Amino acid sequence: MATIEAQPDEDGILALQALRWIVNAERPLHVTELQIALAIGEGEPKSELDEDDFIEVHDIIEQCASLVIVDEQTETVRLVHYTVQEYLAGVSSIRDGAHTMIAKACLNYLSLDDFRTGPCNSQQSLNSVLERHSFLDYACRHWGNHCRTSFETEGEDGDVITKALAVLKDSARLHLIFQVYFAPENTNDYGFNWSPSKLTPLHASGVFGLCGTIRAVLAEGQFGVDFRDSFGYTPLSRAASGGHEATVRLLLEEGANIEAKDQSGGTAIFHAASRGDEAIVRILLEKGANIEAKGLYRGTAICISARGGHEATVQLLLDKGADIEAKDRSGGTAISHAASCGNKAIVRLLIQKGANIEAKDHHGRTAIFWAAADGHEETVRLLLEKGAEIEAKDNNGGTAICCAASRGHEATVRILLEKGANIQAKDHYGRTAISFAAAGFHLSTARLLREKATGSGVNTAIQRAAAAGRDSSPLGYRAL
């Protein structure tokens, strides 16, 4: 750092700005992204980007005193070693004010005239825009995170709020930003239409947890606190989905409807529970949220939390009186959701709290069916240890071993056989576990079942599978 600080003013300033970006960016920056970031700056917004302002990458590296290199494989700029990152993150001239600087630069970039036309109407168009504007992806996805970190660690900078409001109150620009934000990061094949319409600055602030901009927007009185976007989300829903505790508190203090539902019937507590955000769930319950509010498809908060594997949140919901037997649209309870995802610890917790291990959904399936169907061996073993009925039948007369065999979960089938599952059990259509394994071309599972079979059901199973139209690979059946 002494070498950098000893440089002439202009060179030293360039080096410090580059290092602040590299150290504090949310992901590694491509060479062109860093050039744009340094060119756009944090001062007054520009109408267009002047490429004459770009700094050659070799000049950046030189001014940074060889602390920086370009990764030739990824074409990203990074520090020479992770220990340099750790050291520089603690240097005040690199750390202090960095997120404010980056937030302003991102907002300046998003203020360019190129982006005033709004969202793209096709995937090809979006891909083209992102290709032409190299920094757009980073700016759209991360401007808000830098704003929030700036507010939390450096205080609410009035200039950042002013820049943010100028961008967010431009509806066309706002919807382009979130078109990019909601699109998947790892593919350009789809996703241009994943973002909602009817977004307001409050929704945008809720997504990123920006209390400063929320206060400013509400003070102007132009946008209502419960305005819904096209997916039915309110700013509170967006804040709860994003895990922004302070923003949730602020919106509730401003009168946000705690029971507002989106198009899928989800309320704020449902969204918080789905991500296992214990702190926000607790806040919402303290403020009177309905613990039994039910979404259209995935049940109540305890169902979605159990499915997501969020043990602490499940425990909190139980402590606060959640109905352990609440059912989703298909009749599944929390224990079925936990079992279907192999969340063994939550299955154990629910059983300890008195969950009905034999609760059936509308298909007649219990927790052991769902654990077996998805091949969760240890969860199957736990359910059996706790007394789950191994021969329980669903509405078609099938048993857990049929479910496991139909998907080729050989290890699960083996556990069920070890625990005494009836290998010859038939459903209402006369199908046994080996029928399902053969029909699905799960040859190793079918062999296992054949070895364990006490009768000669293999040929019958093959014939039945072939009759069902699965005879296009007779060599597969012959391999049994």
Protein backbone atom coordinates (compact mmCIF):
# COMPACT_ATOMS: atom_id res chain seq x y z
CA MET A 1 0.00 0.00 0.00
CA ALA A 2 2.88 2.36 0.67
CA THR A 3 4.00 2.00 -2.94
CA ILE A 4 0.50 2.84 -4.20
CA GLU A 5 0.07 5.80 -1.89
CA ALA A 6 3.47 7.16 -2.90
CA GLN A 7 2.42 7.45 -6.56
CA PRO A 8 1.47 10.79 -8.15
CA ASP A 9 -2.06 11.87 -7.25
CA GLU A 10 -3.82 10.74 -10.43
CA ASP A 11 -2.11 7.34 -10.48
CA GLY A 12 -2.67 6.78 -6.77
CA ILE A 13 -6.36 7.66 -7.04
CA LEU A 14 -6.77 5.24 -9.96
CA ALA A 15 -5.07 2.44 -8.06
CA LEU A 16 -7.20 3.00 -4.95
CA GLN A 17 -10.42 3.07 -6.96
CA ALA A 18 -9.51 -0.11 -8.81
CA LEU A 19 -8.59 -1.92 -5.61
CA ARG A 20 -11.77 -0.77 -3.88
CA TRP A 21 -13.81 -2.25 -6.72
CA ILE A 22 -11.87 -5.51 -6.86
CA VAL A 23 -11.91 -6.05 -3.09
CA ASN A 24 -15.53 -5.03 -2.46
CA ALA A 25 -17.36 -6.22 -5.61
CA GLU A 26 -19.91 -8.98 -5.07
CA ARG A 27 -18.30 -11.20 -7.67
CA PRO A 28 -15.10 -11.12 -9.76
CA LEU A 29 -15.32 -8.43 -12.43
CA HIS A 30 -14.50 -9.03 -16.06
CA VAL A 31 -11.87 -6.73 -17.51
CA THR A 32 -14.43 -4.68 -19.43
CA GLU A 33 -16.68 -4.42 -16.36
CA LEU A 34 -13.84 -2.92 -14.32
CA GLN A 35 -12.98 -0.51 -17.13
CA ILE A 36 -16.60 0.67 -17.28
CA ALA A 37 -16.87 0.90 -13.50
CA LEU A 38 -13.83 3.16 -13.33
CA ALA A 39 -14.98 5.23 -16.30
CA ILE A 40 -18.53 5.84 -15.06
CA GLY A 41 -17.42 7.07 -11.64
CA GLU A 42 -19.53 8.19 -8.72
CA GLY A 43 -20.06 11.82 -9.64
CA GLU A 44 -22.88 13.35 -11.65
CA PRO A 45 -24.76 10.92 -13.92
CA LYS A 46 -23.89 10.94 -17.60
CA SER A 47 -26.25 10.50 -20.52
CA GLU A 48 -23.84 8.20 -22.33
CA LEU A 49 -20.61 6.33 -21.74
CA ASP A 50 -17.51 7.67 -23.47
CA GLU A 51 -15.11 4.86 -24.33
CA ASP A 52 -12.31 7.41 -24.43
CA ASP A 53 -12.61 7.38 -20.63
CA PHE A 54 -11.69 3.69 -20.51
CA ILE A 55 -8.37 2.93 -18.88
CA GLU A 56 -6.19 0.24 -20.44
CA VAL A 57 -6.06 -2.86 -18.29
CA HIS A 58 -2.25 -2.95 -18.29
CA ASP A 59 -2.28 0.57 -16.84
CA ILE A 60 -4.62 -0.56 -14.08
CA ILE A 61 -2.36 -3.49 -13.22
CA GLU A 62 0.72 -1.30 -13.28
CA GLN A 63 -0.77 1.35 -11.02
CA CYS A 64 -1.90 -1.34 -8.57
CA ALA A 65 1.73 -2.29 -7.98
CA SER A 66 1.32 -5.87 -9.24
CA LEU A 67 -1.29 -6.67 -6.59
CA VAL A 68 -3.72 -7.38 -9.41
CA ILE A 69 -3.68 -9.89 -12.27
CA VAL A 70 -6.02 -10.90 -15.08
CA ASP A 71 -7.16 -14.51 -14.92
CA GLU A 72 -6.63 -15.67 -18.49
CA GLN A 73 -9.23 -18.44 -18.29
CA THR A 74 -12.12 -16.32 -16.99
CA GLU A 75 -10.91 -12.91 -18.18
CA THR A 76 -11.65 -11.54 -14.73
CA VAL A 77 -9.50 -9.19 -12.69
CA ARG A 78 -8.42 -10.50 -9.31
CA LEU A 79 -5.84 -10.05 -6.63
CA VAL A 80 -2.69 -12.13 -6.84
CA HIS A 81 -3.55 -14.19 -3.74
CA TYR A 82 -6.42 -14.61 -1.30
CA THR A 83 -4.21 -13.34 1.52
CA VAL A 84 -3.98 -10.00 -0.30
CA GLN A 85 -7.78 -9.88 -0.36
CA GLU A 86 -7.89 -10.54 3.39
CA TYR A 87 -5.31 -7.84 4.07
CA LEU A 88 -6.81 -5.16 1.82
CA ALA A 89 -10.33 -5.76 3.18
CA GLY A 90 -9.06 -4.40 6.49
CA VAL A 91 -7.28 -1.34 5.07
CA SER A 92 -9.37 1.75 5.81
CA SER A 93 -8.61 3.50 2.51
CA ILE A 94 -9.90 0.42 0.64
CA ARG A 95 -12.81 -0.37 2.98
CA ASP A 96 -14.29 2.91 4.14
CA GLY A 97 -16.85 4.37 1.78
CA ALA A 98 -16.28 1.67 -0.83
CA HIS A 99 -19.88 0.47 -1.02
CA THR A 100 -21.15 4.03 -1.26
CA MET A 101 -18.76 4.60 -4.17
CA ILE A 102 -19.82 1.39 -5.92
CA ALA A 103 -23.53 2.03 -5.34
CA LYS A 104 -23.25 5.49 -6.89
CA ALA A 105 -21.33 4.16 -9.88
CA CYS A 106 -23.88 1.39 -10.48
CA LEU A 107 -26.75 3.88 -10.30
CA ASN A 108 -24.93 6.27 -12.62
CA TYR A 109 -24.55 3.45 -15.12
CA LEU A 110 -28.23 2.52 -14.85
CA SER A 111 -29.06 6.19 -15.51
CA LEU A 112 -27.54 6.10 -19.01
CA ASP A 113 -29.87 6.96 -21.87
CA ASP A 114 -29.33 3.50 -23.36
CA PHE A 115 -31.62 2.02 -20.70
CA ARG A 116 -34.55 4.41 -20.82
CA THR A 117 -36.50 2.31 -23.35
CA GLY A 118 -37.41 -0.30 -20.76
CA PRO A 119 -37.51 -4.11 -20.70
CA CYS A 120 -36.92 -6.35 -23.71
CA ASN A 121 -39.75 -8.26 -25.36
CA SER A 122 -37.79 -11.41 -26.23
CA GLN A 123 -34.90 -13.51 -24.98
CA GLN A 124 -32.87 -12.67 -28.07
CA SER A 125 -33.36 -8.97 -27.44
CA LEU A 126 -32.34 -9.26 -23.79
CA ASN A 127 -29.25 -11.28 -24.70
CA SER A 128 -28.30 -8.63 -27.23
CA VAL A 129 -28.68 -5.81 -24.71
CA LEU A 130 -26.55 -7.63 -22.14
CA GLU A 131 -23.89 -8.36 -24.74
CA ARG A 132 -23.71 -4.75 -25.88
CA HIS A 133 -23.70 -3.33 -22.36
CA SER A 134 -21.10 -5.33 -20.48
CA PHE A 135 -21.68 -3.80 -17.06
CA LEU A 136 -25.49 -4.06 -17.11
CA ASP A 137 -25.64 -7.52 -15.55
CA TYR A 138 -23.51 -6.53 -12.57
CA ALA A 139 -25.25 -3.20 -12.07
CA CYS A 140 -28.76 -4.69 -12.18
CA ARG A 141 -28.04 -7.60 -9.89
CA HIS A 142 -25.88 -5.87 -7.30
CA TRP A 143 -26.58 -2.13 -7.11
CA GLY A 144 -29.07 -2.67 -4.31
CA ASN A 145 -26.77 -4.87 -2.25
CA HIS A 146 -24.11 -2.16 -2.35
CA CYS A 147 -26.72 0.44 -1.39
CA ARG A 148 -27.87 -1.63 1.58
CA THR A 149 -24.33 -2.32 2.78
CA SER A 150 -23.57 1.37 2.37
CA PHE A 151 -26.61 2.33 4.48
CA GLU A 152 -25.80 -0.24 7.15
CA THR A 153 -22.07 0.38 7.49
CA GLU A 154 -21.53 3.93 6.30
CA GLY A 155 -24.84 5.67 7.05
CA GLU A 156 -27.65 6.66 4.71
CA ASP A 157 -25.95 8.84 2.12
CA GLY A 158 -28.41 11.39 0.74
CA ASP A 159 -26.70 11.35 -2.65
CA VAL A 160 -27.14 7.57 -2.93
CA ILE A 161 -30.84 7.89 -2.07
CA THR A 162 -31.30 10.68 -4.61
CA LYS A 163 -29.61 8.67 -7.36
CA ALA A 164 -31.60 5.55 -6.44
CA LEU A 165 -34.93 7.39 -6.52
CA ALA A 166 -34.14 8.92 -9.90
CA VAL A 167 -33.61 5.44 -11.33
CA LEU A 168 -36.43 3.67 -9.51
CA LYS A 169 -39.09 6.25 -10.30
CA ASP A 170 -38.42 5.77 -14.03
CA SER A 171 -40.79 2.85 -14.60
CA ALA A 172 -39.26 1.71 -17.91
CA ARG A 173 -35.75 1.72 -16.46
CA LEU A 174 -36.94 0.02 -13.26
CA HIS A 175 -38.53 -2.86 -15.18
CA LEU A 176 -35.41 -3.41 -17.30
CA ILE A 177 -33.30 -3.58 -14.14
CA PHE A 178 -35.52 -6.25 -12.64
CA GLN A 179 -35.86 -8.12 -15.91
CA VAL A 180 -32.12 -8.69 -15.66
CA TYR A 181 -32.21 -9.22 -11.90
CA PHE A 182 -34.81 -12.00 -12.02
CA ALA A 183 -33.36 -13.73 -15.08
CA PRO A 184 -31.19 -16.80 -14.32
CA GLU A 185 -27.49 -16.08 -14.11
CA ASN A 186 -26.10 -19.25 -15.66
CA THR A 187 -27.99 -19.36 -18.94
CA ASN A 188 -29.15 -17.00 -21.66
CA ASP A 189 -31.62 -19.53 -23.09
CA TYR A 190 -34.62 -18.38 -21.06
CA GLY A 191 -35.75 -16.05 -18.29
CA PHE A 192 -36.51 -12.77 -20.08
CA ASN A 193 -40.13 -12.98 -18.85
CA TRP A 194 -39.47 -14.09 -15.28
CA SER A 195 -39.78 -10.65 -13.76
CA PRO A 196 -43.08 -9.15 -12.60
CA SER A 197 -44.60 -6.01 -14.03
CA LYS A 198 -46.29 -3.25 -12.01
CA LEU A 199 -43.21 -2.83 -9.85
CA THR A 200 -42.84 0.32 -7.79
CA PRO A 201 -39.81 1.86 -6.08
CA LEU A 202 -41.11 0.30 -2.86
CA HIS A 203 -40.98 -3.20 -4.36
CA ALA A 204 -37.45 -2.56 -5.58
CA SER A 205 -36.44 -1.30 -2.15
CA GLY A 206 -38.07 -4.34 -0.53
CA VAL A 207 -36.14 -6.74 -2.76
CA PHE A 208 -32.83 -5.27 -1.63
CA GLY A 209 -33.81 -4.15 1.88
CA LEU A 210 -33.31 -0.42 1.38
CA CYS A 211 -34.88 1.34 4.34
CA GLY A 212 -33.54 4.72 3.29
CA THR A 213 -35.28 4.72 -0.08
CA ILE A 214 -38.49 3.30 1.45
CA ARG A 215 -38.69 6.21 3.88
CA ALA A 216 -38.05 8.68 1.07
CA VAL A 217 -40.68 7.14 -1.23
CA LEU A 218 -43.32 6.95 1.49
CA ALA A 219 -42.63 10.55 2.47
CA GLU A 220 -43.51 11.62 -1.08
CA GLY A 221 -46.81 9.76 -0.86
CA GLN A 222 -46.89 8.66 -4.51
CA PHE A 223 -46.86 4.90 -3.92
CA GLY A 224 -48.97 2.92 -1.45
CA VAL A 225 -47.29 0.58 1.00
CA ASP A 226 -49.51 -2.34 -0.04
CA PHE A 227 -49.40 -1.89 -3.80
CA ARG A 228 -49.12 -5.30 -5.51
CA ASP A 229 -46.92 -6.18 -8.46
CA SER A 230 -48.20 -8.48 -11.20
CA PHE A 231 -47.35 -11.56 -9.12
CA GLY A 232 -49.37 -10.20 -6.21
CA TYR A 233 -46.33 -9.40 -4.06
CA THR A 234 -46.39 -6.34 -1.84
CA PRO A 235 -43.19 -4.58 -0.74
CA LEU A 236 -43.52 -6.49 2.56
CA SER A 237 -43.64 -9.81 0.70
CA ARG A 238 -40.53 -8.85 -1.25
CA ALA A 239 -38.68 -7.82 1.91
CA ALA A 240 -39.64 -11.02 3.73
CA SER A 241 -38.61 -13.10 0.71
CA GLY A 242 -35.25 -11.36 0.67
CA GLY A 243 -34.57 -11.81 4.37
CA HIS A 244 -34.41 -8.10 5.18
CA GLU A 245 -35.33 -7.88 8.83
CA ALA A 246 -35.04 -4.10 9.29
CA THR A 247 -37.09 -3.48 6.15
CA VAL A 248 -39.83 -5.82 7.33
CA ARG A 249 -39.99 -3.94 10.63
CA LEU A 250 -40.11 -0.58 8.85
CA LEU A 251 -42.90 -1.61 6.48
CA LEU A 252 -44.97 -2.99 9.35
CA GLU A 253 -44.48 0.26 11.25
CA GLU A 254 -45.72 2.08 8.16
CA GLY A 255 -48.91 0.04 8.18
CA ALA A 256 -48.20 -2.73 5.67
CA ASN A 257 -50.85 -5.45 5.59
CA ILE A 258 -49.24 -8.44 7.28
CA GLU A 259 -51.77 -10.84 5.72
CA ALA A 260 -51.55 -9.63 2.11
CA LYS A 261 -51.48 -12.63 -0.22
CA ASP A 262 -49.71 -13.07 -3.54
CA GLN A 263 -51.15 -14.97 -6.49
CA SER A 264 -50.15 -18.28 -4.91
CA GLY A 265 -51.79 -17.36 -1.62
CA GLY A 266 -48.50 -16.80 0.17
CA THR A 267 -48.25 -14.21 2.93
CA ALA A 268 -45.13 -12.64 4.38
CA ILE A 269 -44.77 -15.36 7.02
CA PHE A 270 -44.99 -18.02 4.32
CA HIS A 271 -42.15 -16.39 2.37
CA ALA A 272 -39.99 -15.98 5.47
CA ALA A 273 -40.59 -19.59 6.52
CA SER A 274 -39.77 -20.88 3.03
CA ARG A 275 -36.24 -19.50 3.35
CA GLY A 276 -35.89 -20.51 6.99
CA ASP A 277 -35.61 -16.95 8.22
CA GLU A 278 -36.26 -17.51 11.90
CA ALA A 279 -35.78 -13.84 12.85
CA ILE A 280 -38.37 -12.55 10.37
CA VAL A 281 -40.83 -15.32 11.23
CA ARG A 282 -40.50 -14.30 14.86
CA ILE A 283 -41.08 -10.61 14.04
CA LEU A 284 -44.17 -11.41 11.98
CA LEU A 285 -45.62 -13.61 14.71
CA GLU A 286 -44.96 -10.92 17.29
CA LYS A 287 -46.87 -8.50 15.05
CA GLY A 288 -49.84 -10.87 14.83
CA ALA A 289 -49.27 -12.79 11.60
CA ASN A 290 -51.62 -15.75 11.11
CA ILE A 291 -49.45 -18.79 11.73
CA GLU A 292 -51.98 -20.96 9.87
CA ALA A 293 -52.24 -18.81 6.74
CA LYS A 294 -52.30 -21.27 3.86
CA GLY A 295 -50.88 -20.88 0.38
CA LEU A 296 -52.75 -22.30 -2.57
CA TYR A 297 -50.39 -25.21 -3.09
CA ARG A 298 -47.79 -25.78 -0.39
CA GLY A 299 -49.75 -25.43 2.80
CA THR A 300 -48.90 -23.38 5.85
CA ALA A 301 -45.62 -21.95 7.08
CA ILE A 302 -44.73 -25.15 8.92
CA CYS A 303 -45.23 -27.23 5.77
CA ILE A 304 -42.99 -25.08 3.61
CA SER A 305 -40.38 -24.73 6.34
CA ALA A 306 -40.27 -28.49 6.89
CA ARG A 307 -39.89 -29.04 3.17
CA GLY A 308 -37.00 -26.61 3.02
CA GLY A 309 -35.13 -28.33 5.85
CA HIS A 310 -35.27 -25.36 8.21
CA GLU A 311 -35.24 -27.09 11.57
CA ALA A 312 -34.93 -24.00 13.77
CA THR A 313 -37.86 -22.35 12.02
CA VAL A 314 -39.97 -25.49 12.34
CA GLN A 315 -39.15 -25.58 16.05
CA LEU A 316 -40.11 -21.90 16.42
CA LEU A 317 -43.41 -22.43 14.62
CA LEU A 318 -44.22 -25.43 16.82
CA ASP A 319 -43.32 -23.45 19.94
CA LYS A 320 -45.71 -20.73 18.78
CA GLY A 321 -48.56 -23.20 18.34
CA ALA A 322 -48.50 -24.12 14.66
CA ASP A 323 -50.83 -26.98 13.75
CA ILE A 324 -48.50 -29.92 13.20
CA GLU A 325 -51.19 -31.66 11.12
CA ALA A 326 -52.04 -28.73 8.85
CA LYS A 327 -52.52 -29.95 5.29
CA ASP A 328 -51.53 -28.51 1.94
CA ARG A 329 -53.69 -28.55 -1.17
CA SER A 330 -52.85 -32.22 -1.78
CA GLY A 331 -53.46 -33.19 1.82
CA GLY A 332 -49.80 -33.46 2.76
CA THR A 333 -48.66 -32.50 6.25
CA ALA A 334 -45.34 -31.19 7.51
CA ILE A 335 -43.97 -34.68 8.09
CA SER A 336 -44.71 -35.67 4.49
CA HIS A 337 -42.97 -32.54 3.22
CA ALA A 338 -39.92 -33.21 5.38
CA ALA A 339 -39.80 -36.88 4.39
CA SER A 340 -40.11 -36.15 0.68
CA CYS A 341 -36.98 -34.01 0.85
CA GLY A 342 -35.06 -36.35 3.14
CA ASN A 343 -34.96 -33.90 6.03
CA LYS A 344 -34.32 -36.55 8.66
CA ALA A 345 -33.75 -34.18 11.58
CA ILE A 346 -37.07 -32.45 10.96
CA VAL A 347 -38.89 -35.77 10.60
CA ARG A 348 -37.45 -36.77 13.97
CA LEU A 349 -38.46 -33.44 15.52
CA LEU A 350 -42.03 -33.70 14.18
CA ILE A 351 -42.39 -37.24 15.47
CA GLN A 352 -41.13 -36.13 18.88
CA LYS A 353 -43.75 -33.38 18.84
CA GLY A 354 -46.51 -35.86 18.11
CA ALA A 355 -46.93 -35.73 14.34
CA ASN A 356 -49.10 -38.49 12.93
CA ILE A 357 -46.63 -40.74 11.16
CA GLU A 358 -49.49 -42.38 9.23
CA ALA A 359 -51.17 -39.18 8.05
CA LYS A 360 -52.31 -39.69 4.44
CA ASP A 361 -52.55 -37.12 1.68
CA HIS A 362 -55.26 -37.11 -0.99
CA HIS A 363 -53.38 -39.87 -2.84
CA GLY A 364 -53.41 -42.03 0.27
CA ARG A 365 -49.65 -41.69 0.71
CA THR A 366 -47.93 -41.42 4.07
CA ALA A 367 -44.51 -40.02 4.92
CA ILE A 368 -42.77 -43.30 4.21
CA PHE A 369 -44.14 -43.31 0.67
CA TRP A 370 -42.61 -39.92 -0.05
CA ALA A 371 -39.28 -40.78 1.55
CA ALA A 372 -39.13 -44.04 -0.42
CA ALA A 373 -40.23 -42.44 -3.69
CA ASP A 374 -37.33 -40.01 -3.56
CA GLY A 375 -34.77 -42.52 -2.32
CA HIS A 376 -34.09 -40.99 1.09
CA GLU A 377 -32.68 -44.09 2.73
CA GLU A 378 -31.92 -42.72 6.19
CA THR A 379 -35.32 -41.07 6.44
CA VAL A 380 -36.99 -44.35 5.46
CA ARG A 381 -34.96 -46.13 8.11
CA LEU A 382 -35.94 -43.56 10.76
CA LEU A 383 -39.64 -43.77 9.89
CA LEU A 384 -39.53 -47.55 10.15
CA GLU A 385 -37.71 -47.34 13.49
CA LYS A 386 -40.47 -45.03 14.71
CA GLY A 387 -43.17 -47.48 13.72
CA ALA A 388 -44.25 -46.42 10.24
CA GLU A 389 -46.48 -49.02 8.58
CA ILE A 390 -44.32 -50.64 5.93
CA GLU A 391 -47.34 -52.13 4.11
CA ALA A 392 -49.50 -49.02 4.12
CA LYS A 393 -51.32 -48.73 0.78
CA ASP A 394 -52.03 -45.64 -1.26
CA ASN A 395 -55.22 -45.08 -3.27
CA ASN A 396 -53.93 -47.39 -6.01
CA GLY A 397 -53.03 -50.11 -3.55
CA GLY A 398 -49.30 -49.56 -3.91
CA THR A 399 -46.85 -49.72 -1.02
CA ALA A 400 -43.59 -47.94 -0.23
CA ILE A 401 -41.49 -50.61 -1.90
CA CYS A 402 -43.44 -50.07 -5.12
CA CYS A 403 -42.65 -46.36 -4.97
CA ALA A 404 -38.96 -46.98 -4.42
CA ALA A 405 -38.77 -49.65 -7.13
CA SER A 406 -40.60 -47.49 -9.69
CA ARG A 407 -37.79 -44.95 -9.50
CA GLY A 408 -34.94 -47.40 -9.23
CA HIS A 409 -33.88 -46.56 -5.69
CA GLU A 410 -32.06 -49.80 -5.09
CA ALA A 411 -30.63 -48.94 -1.67
CA THR A 412 -34.07 -47.90 -0.40
CA VAL A 413 -35.61 -51.10 -1.77
CA ARG A 414 -32.93 -53.08 0.06
CA ILE A 415 -33.74 -51.35 3.37
CA LEU A 416 -37.45 -52.05 2.94
CA LEU A 417 -36.74 -55.69 2.17
CA GLU A 418 -34.48 -55.96 5.24
CA LYS A 419 -37.34 -54.58 7.32
CA GLY A 420 -39.77 -57.18 6.00
CA ALA A 421 -41.58 -55.48 3.12
CA ASN A 422 -43.83 -57.83 1.18
CA ILE A 423 -42.07 -58.29 -2.13
CA GLN A 424 -45.20 -59.79 -3.71
CA ALA A 425 -47.60 -57.07 -2.60
CA LYS A 426 -49.83 -56.05 -5.52
CA ASP A 427 -51.61 -52.82 -6.23
CA HIS A 428 -55.15 -52.64 -7.61
CA TYR A 429 -53.80 -53.32 -11.10
CA GLY A 430 -51.84 -56.40 -10.10
CA ARG A 431 -48.47 -54.71 -10.23
CA THR A 432 -45.70 -55.66 -7.79
CA ALA A 433 -42.46 -53.91 -6.97
CA ILE A 434 -40.62 -55.90 -9.62
CA SER A 435 -43.25 -54.89 -12.19
CA PHE A 436 -42.50 -51.25 -11.48
CA ALA A 437 -38.73 -51.78 -11.61
CA ALA A 438 -38.94 -53.68 -14.91
CA ALA A 439 -41.30 -51.16 -16.49
CA GLY A 440 -38.91 -48.36 -15.60
CA PHE A 441 -35.86 -50.24 -16.95
CA HIS A 442 -34.28 -50.18 -13.49
CA LEU A 443 -32.40 -53.39 -14.09
CA SER A 444 -30.24 -53.55 -10.97
CA THR A 445 -33.28 -52.94 -8.77
CA ALA A 446 -35.23 -55.59 -10.65
CA ARG A 447 -32.35 -58.05 -10.20
CA LEU A 448 -32.29 -57.37 -6.47
CA LEU A 449 -36.01 -58.00 -6.23
CA ARG A 450 -35.69 -61.17 -8.29
CA GLU A 451 -32.97 -62.46 -5.98
CA LYS A 452 -35.16 -61.79 -2.95
CA ALA A 453 -38.36 -63.09 -4.48
CA THR A 454 -39.76 -66.29 -3.06
CA GLY A 455 -41.83 -67.02 -6.17
CA SER A 456 -41.27 -66.71 -9.90
CA GLY A 457 -42.81 -63.36 -10.58
CA VAL A 458 -40.10 -62.08 -12.89
CA ASN A 459 -41.40 -63.35 -16.20
CA THR A 460 -44.90 -62.23 -15.35
CA ALA A 461 -43.56 -58.80 -14.46
CA ILE A 462 -41.71 -58.52 -17.75
CA GLN A 463 -44.74 -59.61 -19.72
CA ARG A 464 -46.93 -57.13 -17.91
CA ALA A 465 -44.41 -54.32 -18.49
CA ALA A 466 -44.18 -55.20 -22.18
CA ALA A 467 -47.96 -55.23 -22.46
CA ALA A 468 -48.00 -51.75 -21.01
CA GLY A 469 -45.96 -50.56 -23.98
CA ARG A 470 -42.47 -50.68 -22.49
CA ASP A 471 -41.20 -53.45 -24.81
CA SER A 472 -39.12 -51.20 -27.05
CA SER A 473 -35.95 -52.51 -25.42
CA PRO A 474 -36.29 -56.28 -25.14
CA LEU A 475 -32.56 -56.54 -24.51
CA GLY A 476 -33.17 -54.61 -21.33
CA TYR A 477 -35.65 -57.18 -20.08
CA ARG A 478 -33.45 -60.03 -21.27
CA ALA A 479 -30.65 -58.56 -19.17
CA LEU A 480 -32.65 -59.45 -16.07
